[in-house]
């Protein structure tokens, strides 16, 4: 059994006009030899992703789903632009080959990049890797180091300076996700009223402005098959922008399920962060702050925001199920997860309040013990 992500059969309704694509590739001067082996990657990304394997070249094609427009969350040109201009400073982005914005080819924008052959670490690491605790710890560090390296990219002297507004990012994010939650609320989920107001009242100025990935997870990196603790690729740049790096970290931590987390969170785990050797969420923050020298004063805001943002994402998905816009049974219990995320956000806020109060130390330790349960 291969540990390499190879893709699978193309899904019904998501067929690719390969003849039109091949004709366009040749017009771009791209040499392709032999019969194409066409497969599709169906996990994770919102955009449709195909593998085009030829005798002489191995390509990936990304396009938006049917019914979406390019100037939206599925902006192919923007995704292509980010990776193309990052390449000189951040060599783990895939090599961009060509961008198509002619709707006459396949009916939508798309781009083609060179495939990076490797392992994508999902909820379970392939048992064939046989990584020990020390190696898993090194993998954890290496994934975090790649995030830290991204946050150090000198974007100011490049075209990437036009990627986003930068200053005021935290406030815009709080306001934007607040509106999204209100729009997606259903009668069986909490209002998040206290959490939402707390975020508005405690929004800090940005720790700094840099390029952020905005969807940093283990299943968005590629590991070297020969040395599987090393990260050789970073994928899914559709939400990258200029913003606060601690927002990037806080958002990533919302997905970080620990070995000691409750069963609700364990049921949502998408990455191998529960394994022995992986950092806890606190250790992730400590490591990141040591490596970057950024201030931890306002850290609770970033962690609470990450939890709230994940709750909004889950609620937007659940909204579709609740209103019978999808029959996917995988979404039917998302409302339970949203309640659990609400409790986590409240616990984080409560712990922050107790930390700064003059309450009796013995009592504080007792309360903190309760909050950990």
Foldseek 3Di string as FASTA:
>chain_A
DDLKDDAAAQDPPRDFPVVLVVVVCVVLVHDFADDWDKHWDDPDDQWTKIWTDGPVAIKIKTFHHPPDALPDLNPAVLLLVVLCFCCVQQVQAFAWDDWDQDCVRGNHTMTMTGDDIFHQFWQHRPVVVVDDLQLVLLLQVQLLVSQLSQQPGPPPVDPQVPFDDEWPQQVVLLVVLLVLQVVLDDPLADNLVVLSVVLNVQRDTALGKGKAQQQRDSRQFGADPVRRSHTRHGHDRSPIGIYHSLLNLLLHLLQQDALPDDPLSSVVHIGHQHDNNHDHSVVSVVVSCVVPVTDCPSNLSSNLSSLSSVLSVLSNVLSCVVVVVDVPPVNPCSSVVSNVSSLLSVLSVVLVVLVPDPDDPVVNVVVNVVSVD
